PDB file of N, CA and C in Angstrom:
ATOM      1  N   GLU A   1      16.572  10.252  15.570  1.00  0.00           N
ATOM      2  CA  GLU A   1      15.291  10.643  15.012  1.00  0.00           C
ATOM      3  C   GLU A   1      15.426  10.794  13.507  1.00  0.00           C
ATOM      4  N   ILE A   2      14.423  10.319  12.799  1.00  0.00           N
ATOM      5  CA  ILE A   2      14.467  10.290  11.340  1.00  0.00           C
ATOM      6  C   ILE A   2      14.536  11.685  10.724  1.00  0.00           C
ATOM      7  N   ASP A   3      13.997  12.685  11.392  1.00  0.00           N
ATOM      8  CA  ASP A   3      13.981  14.034  10.829  1.00  0.00           C
ATOM      9  C   ASP A   3      15.340  14.722  10.868  1.00  0.00           C
ATOM     10  N   ARG A   4      16.306  14.157  11.517  1.00  0.00           N
ATOM     11  CA  ARG A   4      17.642  14.765  11.579  1.00  0.00           C
ATOM     12  C   ARG A   4      18.391  14.641  10.258  1.00  0.00           C
ATOM     13  N   GLN A   5      18.052  13.644   9.462  1.00  0.00           N
ATOM     14  CA  GLN A   5      18.700  13.452   8.168  1.00  0.00           C
ATOM     15  C   GLN A   5      17.750  13.924   7.073  1.00  0.00           C
ATOM     16  N   GLU A   6      18.172  14.902   6.302  1.00  0.00           N
ATOM     17  CA  GLU A   6      17.322  15.446   5.254  1.00  0.00           C
ATOM     18  C   GLU A   6      16.970  14.370   4.226  1.00  0.00           C
ATOM     19  N   GLY A   7      15.704  14.295   3.902  1.00  0.00           N
ATOM     20  CA  GLY A   7      15.237  13.336   2.908  1.00  0.00           C
ATOM     21  C   GLY A   7      15.101  11.913   3.406  1.00  0.00           C
ATOM     22  N   ALA A   8      15.305  11.684   4.705  1.00  0.00           N
ATOM     23  CA  ALA A   8      15.279  10.323   5.236  1.00  0.00           C
ATOM     24  C   ALA A   8      13.914   9.666   5.071  1.00  0.00           C
ATOM     25  N   ARG A   9      12.854  10.428   5.262  1.00  0.00           N
ATOM     26  CA  ARG A   9      11.512   9.855   5.118  1.00  0.00           C
ATOM     27  C   ARG A   9      11.258   9.393   3.687  1.00  0.00           C
ATOM     28  N   HIS A  10      11.706  10.182   2.717  1.00  0.00           N
ATOM     29  CA  HIS A  10      11.539   9.808   1.314  1.00  0.00           C
ATOM     30  C   HIS A  10      12.352   8.554   0.988  1.00  0.00           C
ATOM     31  N   LYS A  11      13.581   8.505   1.491  1.00  0.00           N
ATOM     32  CA  LYS A  11      14.433   7.337   1.258  1.00  0.00           C
ATOM     33  C   LYS A  11      13.822   6.089   1.876  1.00  0.00           C
ATOM     34  N   LEU A  12      13.266   6.237   3.056  1.00  0.00           N
ATOM     35  CA  LEU A  12      12.630   5.106   3.732  1.00  0.00           C
ATOM     36  C   LEU A  12      11.444   4.596   2.920  1.00  0.00           C
ATOM     37  N   GLY A  13      10.600   5.500   2.464  1.00  0.00           N
ATOM     38  CA  GLY A  13       9.440   5.120   1.662  1.00  0.00           C
ATOM     39  C   GLY A  13       9.844   4.431   0.372  1.00  0.00           C
ATOM     40  N   ARG A  14      10.853   4.963  -0.299  1.00  0.00           N
ATOM     41  CA  ARG A  14      11.317   4.344  -1.540  1.00  0.00           C
ATOM     42  C   ARG A  14      11.919   2.969  -1.268  1.00  0.00           C
ATOM     43  N   GLY A  15      12.690   2.848  -0.197  1.00  0.00           N
ATOM     44  CA  GLY A  15      13.284   1.557   0.155  1.00  0.00           C
ATOM     45  C   GLY A  15      12.231   0.513   0.481  1.00  0.00           C
ATOM     46  N   LEU A  16      11.194   0.937   1.196  1.00  0.00           N
ATOM     47  CA  LEU A  16      10.100   0.016   1.511  1.00  0.00           C
ATOM     48  C   LEU A  16       9.370  -0.412   0.242  1.00  0.00           C
ATOM     49  N   GLY A  17       9.217   0.512  -0.696  1.00  0.00           N
ATOM     50  CA  GLY A  17       8.582   0.185  -1.973  1.00  0.00           C
ATOM     51  C   GLY A  17       9.393  -0.822  -2.775  1.00  0.00           C
ATOM     52  N   GLU A  18      10.709  -0.642  -2.784  1.00  0.00           N
ATOM     53  CA  GLU A  18      11.575  -1.592  -3.485  1.00  0.00           C
ATOM     54  C   GLU A  18      11.478  -2.976  -2.853  1.00  0.00           C
ATOM     55  N   LEU A  19      11.494  -3.023  -1.535  1.00  0.00           N
ATOM     56  CA  LEU A  19      11.380  -4.287  -0.818  1.00  0.00           C
ATOM     57  C   LEU A  19      10.022  -4.944  -1.074  1.00  0.00           C
ATOM     58  N   LEU A  20       8.957  -4.151  -1.030  1.00  0.00           N
ATOM     59  CA  LEU A  20       7.620  -4.694  -1.254  1.00  0.00           C
ATOM     60  C   LEU A  20       7.464  -5.199  -2.683  1.00  0.00           C
ATOM     61  N   ARG A  21       8.027  -4.486  -3.657  1.00  0.00           N
ATOM     62  CA  ARG A  21       7.975  -4.958  -5.046  1.00  0.00           C
ATOM     63  C   ARG A  21       8.674  -6.312  -5.169  1.00  0.00           C
ATOM     64  N   ALA A  22       9.875  -6.426  -4.588  1.00  0.00           N
ATOM     65  CA  ALA A  22      10.627  -7.678  -4.650  1.00  0.00           C
ATOM     66  C   ALA A  22       9.861  -8.818  -3.978  1.00  0.00           C
ATOM     67  N   LEU A  23       9.276  -8.557  -2.820  1.00  0.00           N
ATOM     68  CA  LEU A  23       8.490  -9.587  -2.120  1.00  0.00           C
ATOM     69  C   LEU A  23       7.246  -9.980  -2.913  1.00  0.00           C
ATOM     70  N   THR A  24       6.594  -8.994  -3.497  1.00  0.00           N
ATOM     71  CA  THR A  24       5.383  -9.254  -4.278  1.00  0.00           C
ATOM     72  C   THR A  24       5.696 -10.154  -5.471  1.00  0.00           C
ATOM     73  N   VAL A  25       6.781  -9.843  -6.168  1.00  0.00           N
ATOM     74  CA  VAL A  25       7.174 -10.643  -7.330  1.00  0.00           C
ATOM     75  C   VAL A  25       7.642 -12.024  -6.902  1.00  0.00           C
ATOM     76  N   ASP A  26       8.526 -12.085  -5.911  1.00  0.00           N
ATOM     77  CA  ASP A  26       9.119 -13.357  -5.481  1.00  0.00           C
ATOM     78  C   ASP A  26       8.093 -14.300  -4.865  1.00  0.00           C
ATOM     79  N   GLN A  27       7.208 -13.749  -4.050  1.00  0.00           N
ATOM     80  CA  GLN A  27       6.228 -14.568  -3.327  1.00  0.00           C
ATOM     81  C   GLN A  27       4.861 -14.638  -4.014  1.00  0.00           C
ATOM     82  N   GLU A  28       4.760 -13.972  -5.169  1.00  0.00           N
ATOM     83  CA  GLU A  28       3.506 -13.939  -5.937  1.00  0.00           C
ATOM     84  C   GLU A  28       2.328 -13.487  -5.071  1.00  0.00           C
ATOM     85  N   LEU A  29       2.568 -12.396  -4.325  1.00  0.00           N
ATOM     86  CA  LEU A  29       1.522 -11.858  -3.456  1.00  0.00           C
ATOM     87  C   LEU A  29       0.371 -11.324  -4.288  1.00  0.00           C
ATOM     88  N   LYS A  30      -0.820 -11.425  -3.753  1.00  0.00           N
ATOM     89  CA  LYS A  30      -2.026 -10.931  -4.424  1.00  0.00           C
ATOM     90  C   LYS A  30      -2.615  -9.709  -3.733  1.00  0.00           C
ATOM     91  N   ARG A  31      -2.220  -9.466  -2.455  1.00  0.00           N
ATOM     92  CA  ARG A  31      -2.761  -8.349  -1.682  1.00  0.00           C
ATOM     93  C   ARG A  31      -1.689  -7.845  -0.727  1.00  0.00           C
ATOM     94  N   VAL A  32      -1.539  -6.509  -0.658  1.00  0.00           N
ATOM     95  CA  VAL A  32      -0.571  -5.900   0.260  1.00  0.00           C
ATOM     96  C   VAL A  32      -1.209  -4.689   0.930  1.00  0.00           C
ATOM     97  N   ILE A  33      -0.661  -4.315   2.071  1.00  0.00           N
ATOM     98  CA  ILE A  33      -1.056  -3.091   2.769  1.00  0.00           C
ATOM     99  C   ILE A  33       0.195  -2.262   2.985  1.00  0.00           C
ATOM    100  N   ILE A  34       0.077  -0.967   2.716  1.00  0.00           N
ATOM    101  CA  ILE A  34       1.171  -0.041   2.988  1.00  0.00           C
ATOM    102  C   ILE A  34       0.658   0.964   4.004  1.00  0.00           C
ATOM    103  N   ALA A  35       1.337   1.083   5.132  1.00  0.00           N
ATOM    104  CA  ALA A  35       0.924   2.005   6.183  1.00  0.00           C
ATOM    105  C   ALA A  35       1.759   3.278   6.103  1.00  0.00           C
ATOM    106  N   GLY A  36       1.097   4.397   6.297  1.00  0.00           N
ATOM    107  CA  GLY A  36       1.760   5.695   6.296  1.00  0.00           C
ATOM    108  C   GLY A  36       1.437   6.464   5.030  1.00  0.00           C
ATOM    109  N   GLY A  37       0.910   7.644   5.170  1.00  0.00           N
ATOM    110  CA  GLY A  37       0.493   8.442   4.017  1.00  0.00           C
ATOM    111  C   GLY A  37       1.602   8.755   3.036  1.00  0.00           C
ATOM    112  N   ASP A  38       2.643   9.462   3.484  1.00  0.00           N
ATOM    113  CA  ASP A  38       3.760   9.796   2.596  1.00  0.00           C
ATOM    114  C   ASP A  38       4.512   8.544   2.183  1.00  0.00           C
ATOM    115  N   THR A  39       4.675   7.620   3.099  1.00  0.00           N
ATOM    116  CA  THR A  39       5.356   6.356   2.802  1.00  0.00           C
ATOM    117  C   THR A  39       4.646   5.643   1.660  1.00  0.00           C
ATOM    118  N   SER A  40       3.334   5.635   1.689  1.00  0.00           N
ATOM    119  CA  SER A  40       2.552   4.954   0.657  1.00  0.00           C
ATOM    120  C   SER A  40       2.843   5.508  -0.724  1.00  0.00           C
ATOM    121  N   SER A  41       2.860   6.821  -0.861  1.00  0.00           N
ATOM    122  CA  SER A  41       3.076   7.401  -2.187  1.00  0.00           C
ATOM    123  C   SER A  41       4.467   7.079  -2.720  1.00  0.00           C
ATOM    124  N   HIS A  42       5.474   7.132  -1.876  1.00  0.00           N
ATOM    125  CA  HIS A  42       6.834   6.789  -2.320  1.00  0.00           C
ATOM    126  C   HIS A  42       6.942   5.305  -2.655  1.00  0.00           C
ATOM    127  N   ALA A  43       6.331   4.472  -1.823  1.00  0.00           N
ATOM    128  CA  ALA A  43       6.393   3.027  -2.042  1.00  0.00           C
ATOM    129  C   ALA A  43       5.689   2.642  -3.342  1.00  0.00           C
ATOM    130  N   LEU A  44       4.535   3.213  -3.616  1.00  0.00           N
ATOM    131  CA  LEU A  44       3.814   2.897  -4.845  1.00  0.00           C
ATOM    132  C   LEU A  44       4.639   3.248  -6.074  1.00  0.00           C
ATOM    133  N   GLY A  45       5.334   4.374  -6.011  1.00  0.00           N
ATOM    134  CA  GLY A  45       6.199   4.767  -7.126  1.00  0.00           C
ATOM    135  C   GLY A  45       7.295   3.753  -7.386  1.00  0.00           C
ATOM    136  N   GLN A  46       7.918   3.267  -6.335  1.00  0.00           N
ATOM    137  CA  GLN A  46       8.996   2.288  -6.477  1.00  0.00           C
ATOM    138  C   GLN A  46       8.472   0.926  -6.914  1.00  0.00           C
ATOM    139  N   MET A  47       7.241   0.644  -6.602  1.00  0.00           N
ATOM    140  CA  MET A  47       6.650  -0.633  -7.000  1.00  0.00           C
ATOM    141  C   MET A  47       6.273  -0.646  -8.475  1.00  0.00           C
ATOM    142  N   GLY A  48       6.204   0.518  -9.095  1.00  0.00           N
ATOM    143  CA  GLY A  48       5.815   0.589 -10.501  1.00  0.00           C
ATOM    144  C   GLY A  48       4.313   0.695 -10.702  1.00  0.00           C
ATOM    145  N   VAL A  49       3.613   1.174  -9.684  1.00  0.00           N
ATOM    146  CA  VAL A  49       2.158   1.355  -9.789  1.00  0.00           C
ATOM    147  C   VAL A  49       1.890   2.659 -10.532  1.00  0.00           C
ATOM    148  N   ASP A  50       1.128   2.565 -11.627  1.00  0.00           N
ATOM    149  CA  ASP A  50       0.791   3.742 -12.427  1.00  0.00           C
ATOM    150  C   ASP A  50      -0.523   4.378 -11.991  1.00  0.00           C
ATOM    151  N   ALA A  51      -1.455   3.552 -11.512  1.00  0.00           N
ATOM    152  CA  ALA A  51      -2.766   4.045 -11.092  1.00  0.00           C
ATOM    153  C   ALA A  51      -3.409   3.030 -10.153  1.00  0.00           C
ATOM    154  N   LEU A  52      -4.395   3.509  -9.396  1.00  0.00           N
ATOM    155  CA  LEU A  52      -5.185   2.657  -8.512  1.00  0.00           C
ATOM    156  C   LEU A  52      -6.660   2.881  -8.813  1.00  0.00           C
ATOM    157  N   THR A  53      -7.437   1.815  -8.736  1.00  0.00           N
ATOM    158  CA  THR A  53      -8.884   1.950  -8.789  1.00  0.00           C
ATOM    159  C   THR A  53      -9.453   1.271  -7.546  1.00  0.00           C
ATOM    160  N   VAL A  54     -10.578   1.765  -7.081  1.00  0.00           N
ATOM    161  CA  VAL A  54     -11.194   1.211  -5.869  1.00  0.00           C
ATOM    162  C   VAL A  54     -11.824  -0.141  -6.200  1.00  0.00           C
ATOM    163  N   ARG A  55     -11.465  -1.134  -5.428  1.00  0.00           N
ATOM    164  CA  ARG A  55     -12.066  -2.475  -5.564  1.00  0.00           C
ATOM    165  C   ARG A  55     -13.194  -2.645  -4.562  1.00  0.00           C
ATOM    166  N   MET A  56     -12.938  -2.208  -3.311  1.00  0.00           N
ATOM    167  CA  MET A  56     -13.917  -2.429  -2.255  1.00  0.00           C
ATOM    168  C   MET A  56     -13.792  -1.329  -1.204  1.00  0.00           C
ATOM    169  N   PRO A  57     -14.787  -0.464  -1.115  1.00  0.00           N
ATOM    170  CA  PRO A  57     -14.752   0.519  -0.025  1.00  0.00           C
ATOM    171  C   PRO A  57     -14.984  -0.189   1.306  1.00  0.00           C
ATOM    172  N   LEU A  58     -14.397   0.349   2.334  1.00  0.00           N
ATOM    173  CA  LEU A  58     -14.579  -0.203   3.680  1.00  0.00           C
ATOM    174  C   LEU A  58     -15.342   0.825   4.498  1.00  0.00           C
ATOM    175  N   PRO A  59     -16.640   0.639   4.675  1.00  0.00           N
ATOM    176  CA  PRO A  59     -17.453   1.638   5.375  1.00  0.00           C
ATOM    177  C   PRO A  59     -16.920   2.005   6.757  1.00  0.00           C
ATOM    178  N   ALA A  60     -16.303   1.065   7.450  1.00  0.00           N
ATOM    179  CA  ALA A  60     -15.784   1.348   8.789  1.00  0.00           C
ATOM    180  C   ALA A  60     -14.479   2.141   8.737  1.00  0.00           C
ATOM    181  N   SER A  61     -13.878   2.255   7.544  1.00  0.00           N
ATOM    182  CA  SER A  61     -12.599   2.959   7.397  1.00  0.00           C
ATOM    183  C   SER A  61     -12.610   3.837   6.161  1.00  0.00           C
ATOM    184  N   PRO A  62     -13.438   4.884   6.147  1.00  0.00           N
ATOM    185  CA  PRO A  62     -13.496   5.749   4.973  1.00  0.00           C
ATOM    186  C   PRO A  62     -12.126   6.359   4.684  1.00  0.00           C
ATOM    187  N   GLY A  63     -11.796   6.453   3.417  1.00  0.00           N
ATOM    188  CA  GLY A  63     -10.508   7.018   3.020  1.00  0.00           C
ATOM    189  C   GLY A  63      -9.425   5.976   2.852  1.00  0.00           C
ATOM    190  N   SER A  64      -9.709   4.735   3.183  1.00  0.00           N
ATOM    191  CA  SER A  64      -8.716   3.665   3.046  1.00  0.00           C
ATOM    192  C   SER A  64      -9.338   2.417   2.421  1.00  0.00           C
ATOM    193  N   PRO A  65      -9.802   2.528   1.175  1.00  0.00           N
ATOM    194  CA  PRO A  65     -10.424   1.373   0.535  1.00  0.00           C
ATOM    195  C   PRO A  65      -9.377   0.363   0.065  1.00  0.00           C
ATOM    196  N   LEU A  66      -9.840  -0.820  -0.261  1.00  0.00           N
ATOM    197  CA  LEU A  66      -9.003  -1.801  -0.929  1.00  0.00           C
ATOM    198  C   LEU A  66      -9.014  -1.428  -2.405  1.00  0.00           C
ATOM    199  N   CYS A  67      -7.831  -1.294  -3.006  1.00  0.00           N
ATOM    200  CA  CYS A  67      -7.709  -0.854  -4.395  1.00  0.00           C
ATOM    201  C   CYS A  67      -7.060  -1.932  -5.254  1.00  0.00           C
ATOM    202  N   VAL A  68      -7.128  -1.733  -6.552  1.00  0.00           N
ATOM    203  CA  VAL A  68      -6.433  -2.586  -7.518  1.00  0.00           C
ATOM    204  C   VAL A  68      -5.369  -1.730  -8.190  1.00  0.00           C
ATOM    205  N   ALA A  69      -4.136  -2.248  -8.228  1.00  0.00           N
ATOM    206  CA  ALA A  69      -3.019  -1.545  -8.850  1.00  0.00           C
ATOM    207  C   ALA A  69      -2.996  -1.814 -10.353  1.00  0.00           C
ATOM    208  N   HIS A  70      -2.638  -0.784 -11.095  1.00  0.00           N
ATOM    209  CA  HIS A  70      -2.465  -0.898 -12.543  1.00  0.00           C
ATOM    210  C   HIS A  70      -1.008  -0.564 -12.835  1.00  0.00           C
ATOM    211  N   SER A  71      -0.347  -1.453 -13.571  1.00  0.00           N
ATOM    212  CA  SER A  71       1.088  -1.316 -13.796  1.00  0.00           C
ATOM    213  C   SER A  71       1.487  -2.027 -15.081  1.00  0.00           C
ATOM    214  N   SER A  72       2.592  -1.580 -15.676  1.00  0.00           N
ATOM    215  CA  SER A  72       3.153  -2.282 -16.831  1.00  0.00           C
ATOM    216  C   SER A  72       3.963  -3.495 -16.381  1.00  0.00           C
ATOM    217  N   ILE A  73       4.180  -3.633 -15.074  1.00  0.00           N
ATOM    218  CA  ILE A  73       4.881  -4.788 -14.506  1.00  0.00           C
ATOM    219  C   ILE A  73       3.836  -5.866 -14.229  1.00  0.00           C
ATOM    220  N   ALA A  74       3.937  -6.989 -14.910  1.00  0.00           N
ATOM    221  CA  ALA A  74       2.906  -8.028 -14.844  1.00  0.00           C
ATOM    222  C   ALA A  74       2.597  -8.475 -13.418  1.00  0.00           C
ATOM    223  N   ALA A  75       3.609  -8.639 -12.577  1.00  0.00           N
ATOM    224  CA  ALA A  75       3.396  -9.124 -11.207  1.00  0.00           C
ATOM    225  C   ALA A  75       2.713  -8.085 -10.322  1.00  0.00           C
ATOM    226  N   ILE A  76       2.746  -6.838 -10.724  1.00  0.00           N
ATOM    227  CA  ILE A  76       2.129  -5.751  -9.943  1.00  0.00           C
ATOM    228  C   ILE A  76       0.736  -5.429 -10.474  1.00  0.00           C
ATOM    229  N   ASP A  77       0.538  -5.573 -11.773  1.00  0.00           N
ATOM    230  CA  ASP A  77      -0.757  -5.268 -12.384  1.00  0.00           C
ATOM    231  C   ASP A  77      -1.826  -6.196 -11.815  1.00  0.00           C
ATOM    232  N   GLY A  78      -2.868  -5.622 -11.259  1.00  0.00           N
ATOM    233  CA  GLY A  78      -3.944  -6.399 -10.654  1.00  0.00           C
ATOM    234  C   GLY A  78      -3.753  -6.680  -9.171  1.00  0.00           C
ATOM    235  N   LEU A  79      -2.611  -6.289  -8.626  1.00  0.00           N
ATOM    236  CA  LEU A  79      -2.342  -6.468  -7.201  1.00  0.00           C
ATOM    237  C   LEU A  79      -3.357  -5.670  -6.388  1.00  0.00           C
ATOM    238  N   GLU A  80      -3.918  -6.278  -5.350  1.00  0.00           N
ATOM    239  CA  GLU A  80      -4.810  -5.556  -4.453  1.00  0.00           C
ATOM    240  C   GLU A  80      -3.952  -4.812  -3.436  1.00  0.00           C
ATOM    241  N   VAL A  81      -4.223  -3.523  -3.282  1.00  0.00           N
ATOM    242  CA  VAL A  81      -3.419  -2.655  -2.427  1.00  0.00           C
ATOM    243  C   VAL A  81      -4.336  -1.864  -1.506  1.00  0.00           C
ATOM    244  N   ALA A  82      -3.991  -1.839  -0.237  1.00  0.00           N
ATOM    245  CA  ALA A  82      -4.678  -0.983   0.728  1.00  0.00           C
ATOM    246  C   ALA A  82      -3.642  -0.013   1.288  1.00  0.00           C
ATOM    247  N   LEU A  83      -4.017   1.244   1.368  1.00  0.00           N
ATOM    248  CA  LEU A  83      -3.136   2.288   1.883  1.00  0.00           C
ATOM    249  C   LEU A  83      -3.704   2.784   3.200  1.00  0.00           C
ATOM    250  N   LYS A  84      -2.948   2.616   4.261  1.00  0.00           N
ATOM    251  CA  LYS A  84      -3.407   2.975   5.611  1.00  0.00           C
ATOM    252  C   LYS A  84      -2.628   4.185   6.084  1.00  0.00           C
ATOM    253  N   GLY A  85      -3.254   5.338   6.062  1.00  0.00           N
ATOM    254  CA  GLY A  85      -2.592   6.555   6.515  1.00  0.00           C
ATOM    255  C   GLY A  85      -2.957   6.898   7.943  1.00  0.00           C
ATOM    256  N   GLY A  86      -2.008   7.473   8.642  1.00  0.00           N
ATOM    257  CA  GLY A  86      -2.182   8.039   9.973  1.00  0.00           C
ATOM    258  C   GLY A  86      -3.279   7.469  10.839  1.00  0.00           C
ATOM    259  N   GLN A  87      -4.254   8.308  11.137  1.00  0.00           N
ATOM    260  CA  GLN A  87      -5.325   7.945  12.063  1.00  0.00           C
ATOM    261  C   GLN A  87      -6.542   7.369  11.360  1.00  0.00           C
ATOM    262  N   VAL A  88      -6.404   6.966  10.098  1.00  0.00           N
ATOM    263  CA  VAL A  88      -7.522   6.433   9.331  1.00  0.00           C
ATOM    264  C   VAL A  88      -7.709   4.958   9.650  1.00  0.00           C
ATOM    265  N   GLY A  89      -8.936   4.549   9.825  1.00  0.00           N
ATOM    266  CA  GLY A  89      -9.225   3.133  10.009  1.00  0.00           C
ATOM    267  C   GLY A  89      -9.497   2.771  11.452  1.00  0.00           C
ATOM    268  N   THR A  90     -10.253   1.703  11.595  1.00  0.00           N
ATOM    269  CA  THR A  90     -10.596   1.202  12.923  1.00  0.00           C
ATOM    270  C   THR A  90      -9.518   0.231  13.404  1.00  0.00           C
ATOM    271  N   ASP A  91      -9.694  -0.276  14.618  1.00  0.00           N
ATOM    272  CA  ASP A  91      -8.746  -1.243  15.175  1.00  0.00           C
ATOM    273  C   ASP A  91      -8.709  -2.533  14.359  1.00  0.00           C
ATOM    274  N   ARG A  92      -9.781  -2.819  13.632  1.00  0.00           N
ATOM    275  CA  ARG A  92      -9.863  -4.062  12.847  1.00  0.00           C
ATOM    276  C   ARG A  92      -9.408  -3.869  11.398  1.00  0.00           C
ATOM    277  N   TYR A  93      -8.851  -2.732  11.066  1.00  0.00           N
ATOM    278  CA  TYR A  93      -8.519  -2.417   9.670  1.00  0.00           C
ATOM    279  C   TYR A  93      -7.683  -3.514   9.014  1.00  0.00           C
ATOM    280  N   PHE A  94      -6.562  -3.901   9.627  1.00  0.00           N
ATOM    281  CA  PHE A  94      -5.653  -4.857   8.999  1.00  0.00           C
ATOM    282  C   PHE A  94      -6.280  -6.241   8.863  1.00  0.00           C
ATOM    283  N   SER A  95      -7.008  -6.705   9.870  1.00  0.00           N
ATOM    284  CA  SER A  95      -7.635  -8.017   9.769  1.00  0.00           C
ATOM    285  C   SER A  95      -8.781  -7.991   8.750  1.00  0.00           C
ATOM    286  N   THR A  96      -9.477  -6.873   8.624  1.00  0.00           N
ATOM    287  CA  THR A  96     -10.542  -6.743   7.632  1.00  0.00           C
ATOM    288  C   THR A  96      -9.986  -6.875   6.219  1.00  0.00           C
ATOM    289  N   ILE A  97      -8.871  -6.205   5.960  1.00  0.00           N
ATOM    290  CA  ILE A  97      -8.232  -6.300   4.638  1.00  0.00           C
ATOM    291  C   ILE A  97      -7.707  -7.713   4.421  1.00  0.00           C
ATOM    292  N   ARG A  98      -7.039  -8.261   5.406  1.00  0.00           N
ATOM    293  CA  ARG A  98      -6.484  -9.617   5.288  1.00  0.00           C
ATOM    294  C   ARG A  98      -7.567 -10.624   4.941  1.00  0.00           C
ATOM    295  N   ASP A  99      -8.718 -10.506   5.599  1.00  0.00           N
ATOM    296  CA  ASP A  99      -9.788 -11.466   5.440  1.00  0.00           C
ATOM    297  C   ASP A  99     -10.725 -11.159   4.272  1.00  0.00           C
ATOM    298  N   GLY A 100     -10.519  -9.995   3.609  1.00  0.00           N
ATOM    299  CA  GLY A 100     -11.333  -9.639   2.462  1.00  0.00           C
ATOM    300  C   GLY A 100     -12.753  -9.276   2.809  1.00  0.00           C
ATOM    301  N   LEU A 101     -12.959  -8.744   3.998  1.00  0.00           N
ATOM    302  CA  LEU A 101     -14.298  -8.359   4.435  1.00  0.00           C
ATOM    303  C   LEU A 101     -14.569  -6.919   4.057  1.00  0.00           C
ATOM    304  N   GLY A 102     -15.824  -6.573   3.894  1.00  0.00           N
ATOM    305  CA  GLY A 102     -16.184  -5.226   3.467  1.00  0.00           C
ATOM    306  C   GLY A 102     -16.632  -4.297   4.556  1.00  0.00           C
ATOM    307  N   GLY A 103     -16.540  -4.633   5.790  1.00  0.00           N
ATOM    308  CA  GLY A 103     -17.070  -3.709   6.784  1.00  0.00           C
ATOM    309  C   GLY A 103     -16.532  -3.912   8.145  1.00  0.00           C
TER     310      GLY A 103
END
């Protein structure tokens, strides 16, 4: 169980952020989704995201809009990011973000 090792959740989130940053840069990704509330905050930090602004609210999934990342890292600046925490979002959340739909 992950809770047996102190700080394991933070390490996991940071590691996922490092991996996502590398994939985003290498594959020139334009849109990503990060699942997990605490994981999202750690991952965004490792990706070099300084701020997020809302690009498109999703009425069917309040609290989890599609955002735009702002960063001094060129490959991350302008990246579309969706953060999916816990029980937020409908069953169609991931396909809605993938397809760029608003509802």
